[in-house]
Full PDB file with SEQRES, HELIX, SHEET, SSBOND, CRYST1, ORIGX, SCALE, CONECT and MASTER records, all heavy atoms in Angstrom:
SEQRES   1 A   34  PHE ALA TYR GLY GLN ALA PRO SER ARG GLN LEU ASP SER          
SEQRES   2 A   34  PRO GLU SER GLU GLY PRO LEU SER VAL PRO VAL ASN ARG          
SEQRES   3 A   34  PHE ALA SER VAL ALA GLN LEU LEU                              
SHEET    1 AA1 2 SER A   8  GLN A  10  0                                        
SHEET    2 AA1 2 GLU A  17  PRO A  19 -1                                        
CRYST1    1.000    1.000    1.000  90.00  90.00  90.00 P 1           1          
ORIGX1      1.000000  0.000000  0.000000        0.00000                         
ORIGX2      0.000000  1.000000  0.000000        0.00000                         
ORIGX3      0.000000  0.000000  1.000000        0.00000                         
SCALE1      1.000000  0.000000  0.000000        0.00000                         
SCALE2      0.000000  1.000000  0.000000        0.00000                         
SCALE3      0.000000  0.000000  1.000000        0.00000                         
ATOM      1  N   PHE A   1      -3.612   8.816  15.750  1.00  0.00           N  
ATOM      2  CA  PHE A   1      -3.792  10.255  15.850  1.00  0.00           C  
ATOM      3  C   PHE A   1      -5.117  10.522  16.553  1.00  0.00           C  
ATOM      4  O   PHE A   1      -6.056   9.725  16.497  1.00  0.00           O  
ATOM      5  CB  PHE A   1      -3.754  10.938  14.480  1.00  0.00           C  
ATOM      6  CG  PHE A   1      -4.756  10.404  13.490  1.00  0.00           C  
ATOM      7  CD1 PHE A   1      -5.978  11.031  13.312  1.00  0.00           C  
ATOM      8  CD2 PHE A   1      -4.467   9.282  12.726  1.00  0.00           C  
ATOM      9  CE1 PHE A   1      -6.892  10.546  12.401  1.00  0.00           C  
ATOM     10  CE2 PHE A   1      -5.380   8.790  11.816  1.00  0.00           C  
ATOM     11  CZ  PHE A   1      -6.594   9.424  11.650  1.00  0.00           C  
ATOM     12  N   ALA A   2      -5.166  11.630  17.240  1.00  0.00           N  
ATOM     13  CA  ALA A   2      -6.303  11.947  18.099  1.00  0.00           C  
ATOM     14  C   ALA A   2      -7.254  12.918  17.412  1.00  0.00           C  
ATOM     15  O   ALA A   2      -7.024  13.370  16.284  1.00  0.00           O  
ATOM     16  CB  ALA A   2      -5.808  12.538  19.420  1.00  0.00           C  
ATOM     17  N   TYR A   3      -8.314  13.255  18.119  1.00  0.00           N  
ATOM     18  CA  TYR A   3      -9.302  14.208  17.629  1.00  0.00           C  
ATOM     19  C   TYR A   3      -8.622  15.549  17.322  1.00  0.00           C  
ATOM     20  O   TYR A   3      -7.864  16.076  18.127  1.00  0.00           O  
ATOM     21  CB  TYR A   3     -10.386  14.413  18.690  1.00  0.00           C  
ATOM     22  CG  TYR A   3     -11.341  15.543  18.381  1.00  0.00           C  
ATOM     23  CD1 TYR A   3     -12.320  15.406  17.407  1.00  0.00           C  
ATOM     24  CD2 TYR A   3     -11.244  16.756  19.058  1.00  0.00           C  
ATOM     25  CE1 TYR A   3     -13.182  16.446  17.118  1.00  0.00           C  
ATOM     26  CE2 TYR A   3     -12.110  17.809  18.772  1.00  0.00           C  
ATOM     27  CZ  TYR A   3     -13.075  17.646  17.806  1.00  0.00           C  
ATOM     28  OH  TYR A   3     -13.919  18.675  17.524  1.00  0.00           O  
ATOM     29  N   GLY A   4      -8.882  16.081  16.143  1.00  0.00           N  
ATOM     30  CA  GLY A   4      -8.297  17.351  15.741  1.00  0.00           C  
ATOM     31  C   GLY A   4      -6.958  17.224  15.052  1.00  0.00           C  
ATOM     32  O   GLY A   4      -6.443  18.210  14.518  1.00  0.00           O  
ATOM     33  N   GLN A   5      -6.352  16.016  15.048  1.00  0.00           N  
ATOM     34  CA  GLN A   5      -5.084  15.800  14.370  1.00  0.00           C  
ATOM     35  C   GLN A   5      -5.323  15.182  12.999  1.00  0.00           C  
ATOM     36  O   GLN A   5      -6.406  14.694  12.694  1.00  0.00           O  
ATOM     37  CB  GLN A   5      -4.174  14.886  15.198  1.00  0.00           C  
ATOM     38  CG  GLN A   5      -3.688  15.479  16.499  1.00  0.00           C  
ATOM     39  CD  GLN A   5      -2.772  14.519  17.234  1.00  0.00           C  
ATOM     40  OE1 GLN A   5      -2.963  13.304  17.211  1.00  0.00           O  
ATOM     41  NE2 GLN A   5      -1.760  15.073  17.895  1.00  0.00           N  
ATOM     42  N   ALA A   6      -4.269  15.185  12.193  1.00  0.00           N  
ATOM     43  CA  ALA A   6      -4.323  14.561  10.875  1.00  0.00           C  
ATOM     44  C   ALA A   6      -3.272  13.464  10.809  1.00  0.00           C  
ATOM     45  O   ALA A   6      -2.217  13.564  11.445  1.00  0.00           O  
ATOM     46  CB  ALA A   6      -4.070  15.594   9.782  1.00  0.00           C  
ATOM     47  N   PRO A   7      -3.521  12.387  10.071  1.00  0.00           N  
ATOM     48  CA  PRO A   7      -2.496  11.339   9.945  1.00  0.00           C  
ATOM     49  C   PRO A   7      -1.277  11.854   9.209  1.00  0.00           C  
ATOM     50  O   PRO A   7      -1.352  12.804   8.414  1.00  0.00           O  
ATOM     51  CB  PRO A   7      -3.215  10.245   9.144  1.00  0.00           C  
ATOM     52  CG  PRO A   7      -4.286  10.966   8.391  1.00  0.00           C  
ATOM     53  CD  PRO A   7      -4.725  12.091   9.285  1.00  0.00           C  
ATOM     54  N   SER A   8      -0.131  11.243   9.465  1.00  0.00           N  
ATOM     55  CA  SER A   8       1.112  11.656   8.818  1.00  0.00           C  
ATOM     56  C   SER A   8       1.950  10.417   8.535  1.00  0.00           C  
ATOM     57  O   SER A   8       1.595   9.307   8.912  1.00  0.00           O  
ATOM     58  CB  SER A   8       1.891  12.640   9.704  1.00  0.00           C  
ATOM     59  OG  SER A   8       2.246  12.028  10.935  1.00  0.00           O  
ATOM     60  N   ARG A   9       3.072  10.610   7.874  1.00  0.00           N  
ATOM     61  CA  ARG A   9       3.941   9.487   7.513  1.00  0.00           C  
ATOM     62  C   ARG A   9       5.378   9.788   7.898  1.00  0.00           C  
ATOM     63  O   ARG A   9       5.760  10.937   8.151  1.00  0.00           O  
ATOM     64  CB  ARG A   9       3.866   9.215   6.008  1.00  0.00           C  
ATOM     65  CG  ARG A   9       4.391  10.353   5.140  1.00  0.00           C  
ATOM     66  CD  ARG A   9       4.100  10.094   3.673  1.00  0.00           C  
ATOM     67  NE  ARG A   9       4.553  11.182   2.811  1.00  0.00           N  
ATOM     68  CZ  ARG A   9       5.721  11.192   2.188  1.00  0.00           C  
ATOM     69  NH1 ARG A   9       6.551  10.176   2.305  1.00  0.00           N  
ATOM     70  NH2 ARG A   9       6.056  12.217   1.423  1.00  0.00           N  
ATOM     71  N   GLN A  10       6.180   8.736   7.912  1.00  0.00           N  
ATOM     72  CA  GLN A  10       7.600   8.866   8.229  1.00  0.00           C  
ATOM     73  C   GLN A  10       8.359   9.421   7.025  1.00  0.00           C  
ATOM     74  O   GLN A  10       8.094   9.050   5.882  1.00  0.00           O  
ATOM     75  CB  GLN A  10       8.177   7.508   8.613  1.00  0.00           C  
ATOM     76  CG  GLN A  10       9.674   7.523   8.823  1.00  0.00           C  
ATOM     77  CD  GLN A  10      10.248   6.120   8.855  1.00  0.00           C  
ATOM     78  OE1 GLN A  10       9.550   5.165   9.096  1.00  0.00           O  
ATOM     79  NE2 GLN A  10      11.535   6.006   8.596  1.00  0.00           N  
ATOM     80  N   LEU A  11       9.309  10.325   7.293  1.00  0.00           N  
ATOM     81  CA  LEU A  11      10.217  10.831   6.268  1.00  0.00           C  
ATOM     82  C   LEU A  11      11.645  10.485   6.661  1.00  0.00           C  
ATOM     83  O   LEU A  11      11.927  10.133   7.806  1.00  0.00           O  
ATOM     84  CB  LEU A  11      10.076  12.352   6.128  1.00  0.00           C  
ATOM     85  CG  LEU A  11       8.720  12.896   5.688  1.00  0.00           C  
ATOM     86  CD1 LEU A  11       8.749  14.420   5.683  1.00  0.00           C  
ATOM     87  CD2 LEU A  11       8.349  12.371   4.309  1.00  0.00           C  
ATOM     88  N   ASP A  12      12.535  10.565   5.709  1.00  0.00           N  
ATOM     89  CA  ASP A  12      13.941  10.334   6.007  1.00  0.00           C  
ATOM     90  C   ASP A  12      14.465  11.413   6.945  1.00  0.00           C  
ATOM     91  O   ASP A  12      14.034  12.568   6.891  1.00  0.00           O  
ATOM     92  CB  ASP A  12      14.773  10.318   4.726  1.00  0.00           C  
ATOM     93  CG  ASP A  12      14.411   9.138   3.832  1.00  0.00           C  
ATOM     94  OD1 ASP A  12      13.932   8.130   4.373  1.00  0.00           O  
ATOM     95  OD2 ASP A  12      14.607   9.246   2.608  1.00  0.00           O  
ATOM     96  N   SER A  13      15.385  11.041   7.792  1.00  0.00           N  
ATOM     97  CA  SER A  13      15.984  12.013   8.712  1.00  0.00           C  
ATOM     98  C   SER A  13      16.675  13.118   7.906  1.00  0.00           C  
ATOM     99  O   SER A  13      17.184  12.875   6.813  1.00  0.00           O  
ATOM    100  CB  SER A  13      16.990  11.304   9.615  1.00  0.00           C  
ATOM    101  OG  SER A  13      16.316  10.362  10.427  1.00  0.00           O  
ATOM    102  N   PRO A  14      16.684  14.361   8.397  1.00  0.00           N  
ATOM    103  CA  PRO A  14      16.228  14.768   9.731  1.00  0.00           C  
ATOM    104  C   PRO A  14      14.769  15.224   9.784  1.00  0.00           C  
ATOM    105  O   PRO A  14      14.307  15.638  10.838  1.00  0.00           O  
ATOM    106  CB  PRO A  14      17.155  15.934  10.048  1.00  0.00           C  
ATOM    107  CG  PRO A  14      17.374  16.579   8.707  1.00  0.00           C  
ATOM    108  CD  PRO A  14      17.395  15.454   7.699  1.00  0.00           C  
ATOM    109  N   GLU A  15      14.024  15.136   8.647  1.00  0.00           N  
ATOM    110  CA  GLU A  15      12.656  15.643   8.666  1.00  0.00           C  
ATOM    111  C   GLU A  15      11.762  14.828   9.586  1.00  0.00           C  
ATOM    112  O   GLU A  15      10.911  15.354  10.285  1.00  0.00           O  
ATOM    113  CB  GLU A  15      12.072  15.653   7.248  1.00  0.00           C  
ATOM    114  CG  GLU A  15      12.705  16.681   6.324  1.00  0.00           C  
ATOM    115  CD  GLU A  15      13.976  16.151   5.683  1.00  0.00           C  
ATOM    116  OE1 GLU A  15      14.350  15.005   5.976  1.00  0.00           O  
ATOM    117  OE2 GLU A  15      14.586  16.878   4.889  1.00  0.00           O  
ATOM    118  N   SER A  16      11.908  13.493   9.561  1.00  0.00           N  
ATOM    119  CA  SER A  16      11.217  12.560  10.451  1.00  0.00           C  
ATOM    120  C   SER A  16       9.741  12.358  10.129  1.00  0.00           C  
ATOM    121  O   SER A  16       9.266  11.237  10.082  1.00  0.00           O  
ATOM    122  CB  SER A  16      11.352  12.986  11.918  1.00  0.00           C  
ATOM    123  OG  SER A  16      12.697  12.963  12.296  1.00  0.00           O  
ATOM    124  N   GLU A  17       8.973  13.420   9.893  1.00  0.00           N  
ATOM    125  CA  GLU A  17       7.533  13.270   9.756  1.00  0.00           C  
ATOM    126  C   GLU A  17       6.988  14.251   8.731  1.00  0.00           C  
ATOM    127  O   GLU A  17       7.456  15.379   8.623  1.00  0.00           O  
ATOM    128  CB  GLU A  17       6.861  13.507  11.112  1.00  0.00           C  
ATOM    129  CG  GLU A  17       5.375  13.245  11.148  1.00  0.00           C  
ATOM    130  CD  GLU A  17       4.802  13.493  12.528  1.00  0.00           C  
ATOM    131  OE1 GLU A  17       5.557  13.433  13.516  1.00  0.00           O  
ATOM    132  OE2 GLU A  17       3.583  13.754  12.616  1.00  0.00           O  
ATOM    133  N   GLY A  18       5.994  13.800   7.964  1.00  0.00           N  
ATOM    134  CA  GLY A  18       5.406  14.664   6.957  1.00  0.00           C  
ATOM    135  C   GLY A  18       3.992  14.235   6.638  1.00  0.00           C  
ATOM    136  O   GLY A  18       3.506  13.212   7.142  1.00  0.00           O  
ATOM    137  N   PRO A  19       3.291  14.980   5.791  1.00  0.00           N  
ATOM    138  CA  PRO A  19       1.898  14.646   5.473  1.00  0.00           C  
ATOM    139  C   PRO A  19       1.796  13.381   4.632  1.00  0.00           C  
ATOM    140  O   PRO A  19       2.729  13.019   3.906  1.00  0.00           O  
ATOM    141  CB  PRO A  19       1.412  15.877   4.696  1.00  0.00           C  
ATOM    142  CG  PRO A  19       2.671  16.442   4.096  1.00  0.00           C  
ATOM    143  CD  PRO A  19       3.749  16.196   5.109  1.00  0.00           C  
ATOM    144  N   LEU A  20       0.664  12.711   4.738  1.00  0.00           N  
ATOM    145  CA  LEU A  20       0.411  11.529   3.921  1.00  0.00           C  
ATOM    146  C   LEU A  20       0.217  11.925   2.466  1.00  0.00           C  
ATOM    147  O   LEU A  20      -0.380  12.972   2.170  1.00  0.00           O  
ATOM    148  CB  LEU A  20      -0.845  10.802   4.408  1.00  0.00           C  
ATOM    149  CG  LEU A  20      -0.717   9.911   5.638  1.00  0.00           C  
ATOM    150  CD1 LEU A  20      -2.078   9.308   5.976  1.00  0.00           C  
ATOM    151  CD2 LEU A  20       0.289   8.803   5.428  1.00  0.00           C  
ATOM    152  N   SER A  21       0.718  11.103   1.578  1.00  0.00           N  
ATOM    153  CA  SER A  21       0.529  11.357   0.155  1.00  0.00           C  
ATOM    154  C   SER A  21      -0.906  10.999  -0.236  1.00  0.00           C  
ATOM    155  O   SER A  21      -1.445   9.984   0.190  1.00  0.00           O  
ATOM    156  CB  SER A  21       1.513  10.520  -0.666  1.00  0.00           C  
ATOM    157  OG  SER A  21       1.362   9.140  -0.367  1.00  0.00           O  
ATOM    158  N   VAL A  22      -1.520  11.851  -1.045  1.00  0.00           N  
ATOM    159  CA  VAL A  22      -2.885  11.618  -1.506  1.00  0.00           C  
ATOM    160  C   VAL A  22      -2.826  11.103  -2.936  1.00  0.00           C  
ATOM    161  O   VAL A  22      -2.353  11.815  -3.836  1.00  0.00           O  
ATOM    162  CB  VAL A  22      -3.723  12.909  -1.440  1.00  0.00           C  
ATOM    163  CG1 VAL A  22      -5.143  12.639  -1.927  1.00  0.00           C  
ATOM    164  CG2 VAL A  22      -3.736  13.456  -0.021  1.00  0.00           C  
ATOM    165  N   PRO A  23      -3.256   9.890  -3.199  1.00  0.00           N  
ATOM    166  CA  PRO A  23      -3.169   9.335  -4.552  1.00  0.00           C  
ATOM    167  C   PRO A  23      -4.168  10.001  -5.491  1.00  0.00           C  
ATOM    168  O   PRO A  23      -5.112  10.687  -5.058  1.00  0.00           O  
ATOM    169  CB  PRO A  23      -3.511   7.856  -4.342  1.00  0.00           C  
ATOM    170  CG  PRO A  23      -4.372   7.845  -3.127  1.00  0.00           C  
ATOM    171  CD  PRO A  23      -3.857   8.954  -2.245  1.00  0.00           C  
ATOM    172  N   VAL A  24      -3.959   9.806  -6.781  1.00  0.00           N  
ATOM    173  CA  VAL A  24      -4.882  10.356  -7.777  1.00  0.00           C  
ATOM    174  C   VAL A  24      -6.269   9.765  -7.590  1.00  0.00           C  
ATOM    175  O   VAL A  24      -7.285  10.457  -7.633  1.00  0.00           O  
ATOM    176  CB  VAL A  24      -4.352  10.076  -9.197  1.00  0.00           C  
ATOM    177  CG1 VAL A  24      -5.368  10.559 -10.243  1.00  0.00           C  
ATOM    178  CG2 VAL A  24      -3.014  10.753  -9.417  1.00  0.00           C  
ATOM    179  N   ASN A  25      -6.345   8.459  -7.389  1.00  0.00           N  
ATOM    180  CA  ASN A  25      -7.608   7.774  -7.123  1.00  0.00           C  
ATOM    181  C   ASN A  25      -7.594   7.299  -5.677  1.00  0.00           C  
ATOM    182  O   ASN A  25      -7.121   6.205  -5.377  1.00  0.00           O  
ATOM    183  CB  ASN A  25      -7.796   6.590  -8.069  1.00  0.00           C  
ATOM    184  CG  ASN A  25      -7.930   7.025  -9.514  1.00  0.00           C  
ATOM    185  OD1 ASN A  25      -8.684   7.937  -9.827  1.00  0.00           O  
ATOM    186  ND2 ASN A  25      -7.194   6.381 -10.398  1.00  0.00           N  
ATOM    187  N   ARG A  26      -8.105   8.144  -4.785  1.00  0.00           N  
ATOM    188  CA  ARG A  26      -8.059   7.782  -3.370  1.00  0.00           C  
ATOM    189  C   ARG A  26      -9.058   6.671  -3.039  1.00  0.00           C  
ATOM    190  O   ARG A  26      -8.709   5.702  -2.371  1.00  0.00           O  
ATOM    191  CB  ARG A  26      -8.343   9.010  -2.500  1.00  0.00           C  
ATOM    192  CG  ARG A  26      -8.444   8.657  -1.026  1.00  0.00           C  
ATOM    193  CD  ARG A  26      -8.689   9.853  -0.135  1.00  0.00           C  
ATOM    194  NE  ARG A  26      -8.959   9.443   1.220  1.00  0.00           N  
ATOM    195  CZ  ARG A  26      -9.228  10.260   2.228  1.00  0.00           C  
ATOM    196  NH1 ARG A  26      -9.244  11.573   2.028  1.00  0.00           N  
ATOM    197  NH2 ARG A  26      -9.478   9.784   3.432  1.00  0.00           N  
ATOM    198  N   PHE A  27     -10.285   6.799  -3.516  1.00  0.00           N  
ATOM    199  CA  PHE A  27     -11.325   5.840  -3.161  1.00  0.00           C  
ATOM    200  C   PHE A  27     -11.589   4.876  -4.316  1.00  0.00           C  
ATOM    201  O   PHE A  27     -11.388   5.204  -5.481  1.00  0.00           O  
ATOM    202  CB  PHE A  27     -12.620   6.559  -2.785  1.00  0.00           C  
ATOM    203  CG  PHE A  27     -12.500   7.412  -1.555  1.00  0.00           C  
ATOM    204  CD1 PHE A  27     -12.439   8.794  -1.674  1.00  0.00           C  
ATOM    205  CD2 PHE A  27     -12.419   6.844  -0.306  1.00  0.00           C  
ATOM    206  CE1 PHE A  27     -12.322   9.587  -0.543  1.00  0.00           C  
ATOM    207  CE2 PHE A  27     -12.289   7.630   0.824  1.00  0.00           C  
ATOM    208  CZ  PHE A  27     -12.247   9.009   0.714  1.00  0.00           C  
ATOM    209  N   ALA A  28     -12.051   3.682  -3.946  1.00  0.00           N  
ATOM    210  CA  ALA A  28     -12.435   2.689  -4.943  1.00  0.00           C  
ATOM    211  C   ALA A  28     -13.579   1.858  -4.387  1.00  0.00           C  
ATOM    212  O   ALA A  28     -13.712   1.685  -3.167  1.00  0.00           O  
ATOM    213  CB  ALA A  28     -11.256   1.779  -5.304  1.00  0.00           C  
ATOM    214  N   SER A  29     -14.400   1.368  -5.290  1.00  0.00           N  
ATOM    215  CA  SER A  29     -15.429   0.389  -4.946  1.00  0.00           C  
ATOM    216  C   SER A  29     -15.065  -0.906  -5.660  1.00  0.00           C  
ATOM    217  O   SER A  29     -14.868  -0.909  -6.887  1.00  0.00           O  
ATOM    218  CB  SER A  29     -16.813   0.878  -5.385  1.00  0.00           C  
ATOM    219  OG  SER A  29     -17.810  -0.068  -5.043  1.00  0.00           O  
ATOM    220  N   VAL A  30     -14.947  -1.984  -4.896  1.00  0.00           N  
ATOM    221  CA  VAL A  30     -14.461  -3.255  -5.440  1.00  0.00           C  
ATOM    222  C   VAL A  30     -15.512  -4.338  -5.235  1.00  0.00           C  
ATOM    223  O   VAL A  30     -15.959  -4.578  -4.103  1.00  0.00           O  
ATOM    224  CB  VAL A  30     -13.142  -3.685  -4.764  1.00  0.00           C  
ATOM    225  CG1 VAL A  30     -12.621  -4.978  -5.389  1.00  0.00           C  
ATOM    226  CG2 VAL A  30     -12.097  -2.579  -4.883  1.00  0.00           C  
ATOM    227  N   ALA A  31     -15.915  -4.979  -6.329  1.00  0.00           N  
ATOM    228  CA  ALA A  31     -16.902  -6.052  -6.284  1.00  0.00           C  
ATOM    229  C   ALA A  31     -16.240  -7.372  -6.667  1.00  0.00           C  
ATOM    230  O   ALA A  31     -15.344  -7.409  -7.521  1.00  0.00           O  
ATOM    231  CB  ALA A  31     -18.072  -5.756  -7.223  1.00  0.00           C  
ATOM    232  N   GLN A  32     -16.678  -8.447  -6.024  1.00  0.00           N  
ATOM    233  CA  GLN A  32     -16.191  -9.795  -6.326  1.00  0.00           C  
ATOM    234  C   GLN A  32     -17.335 -10.572  -6.966  1.00  0.00           C  
ATOM    235  O   GLN A  32     -18.393 -10.751  -6.358  1.00  0.00           O  
ATOM    236  CB  GLN A  32     -15.722 -10.500  -5.051  1.00  0.00           C  
ATOM    237  CG  GLN A  32     -14.658  -9.762  -4.270  1.00  0.00           C  
ATOM    238  CD  GLN A  32     -13.309  -9.750  -4.961  1.00  0.00           C  
ATOM    239  OE1 GLN A  32     -13.055 -10.534  -5.876  1.00  0.00           O  
ATOM    240  NE2 GLN A  32     -12.425  -8.862  -4.527  1.00  0.00           N  
ATOM    241  N   LEU A  33     -17.112 -11.026  -8.200  1.00  0.00           N  
ATOM    242  CA  LEU A  33     -18.151 -11.747  -8.940  1.00  0.00           C  
ATOM    243  C   LEU A  33     -17.823 -13.231  -9.014  1.00  0.00           C  
ATOM    244  O   LEU A  33     -16.650 -13.633  -9.015  1.00  0.00           O  
ATOM    245  CB  LEU A  33     -18.278 -11.190 -10.360  1.00  0.00           C  
ATOM    246  CG  LEU A  33     -18.506  -9.681 -10.506  1.00  0.00           C  
ATOM    247  CD1 LEU A  33     -18.738  -9.338 -11.967  1.00  0.00           C  
ATOM    248  CD2 LEU A  33     -19.657  -9.210  -9.636  1.00  0.00           C  
ATOM    249  N   LEU A  34     -18.876 -14.041  -9.106  1.00  0.00           N  
ATOM    250  CA  LEU A  34     -18.728 -15.496  -9.212  1.00  0.00           C  
ATOM    251  C   LEU A  34     -19.619 -16.007 -10.335  1.00  0.00           C  
ATOM    252  O   LEU A  34     -20.802 -15.655 -10.416  1.00  0.00           O  
ATOM    253  CB  LEU A  34     -19.127 -16.170  -7.898  1.00  0.00           C  
ATOM    254  CG  LEU A  34     -19.221 -17.708  -7.924  1.00  0.00           C  
ATOM    255  CD1 LEU A  34     -17.852 -18.330  -8.189  1.00  0.00           C  
ATOM    256  CD2 LEU A  34     -19.827 -18.229  -6.628  1.00  0.00           C  
TER     257      LEU A  34                                                      
MASTER        0    0    0    0    2    0    0    6  256    1    0    3          
END                                                                             
């Protein structure tokens, strides 16, 4: 997607395209410990 556009996802025909689903927890910080 280009400047000024928003990402989208595939839908079943005939809709073809729709907005991306936003999860309840969109962001995460993940640490790896040893």
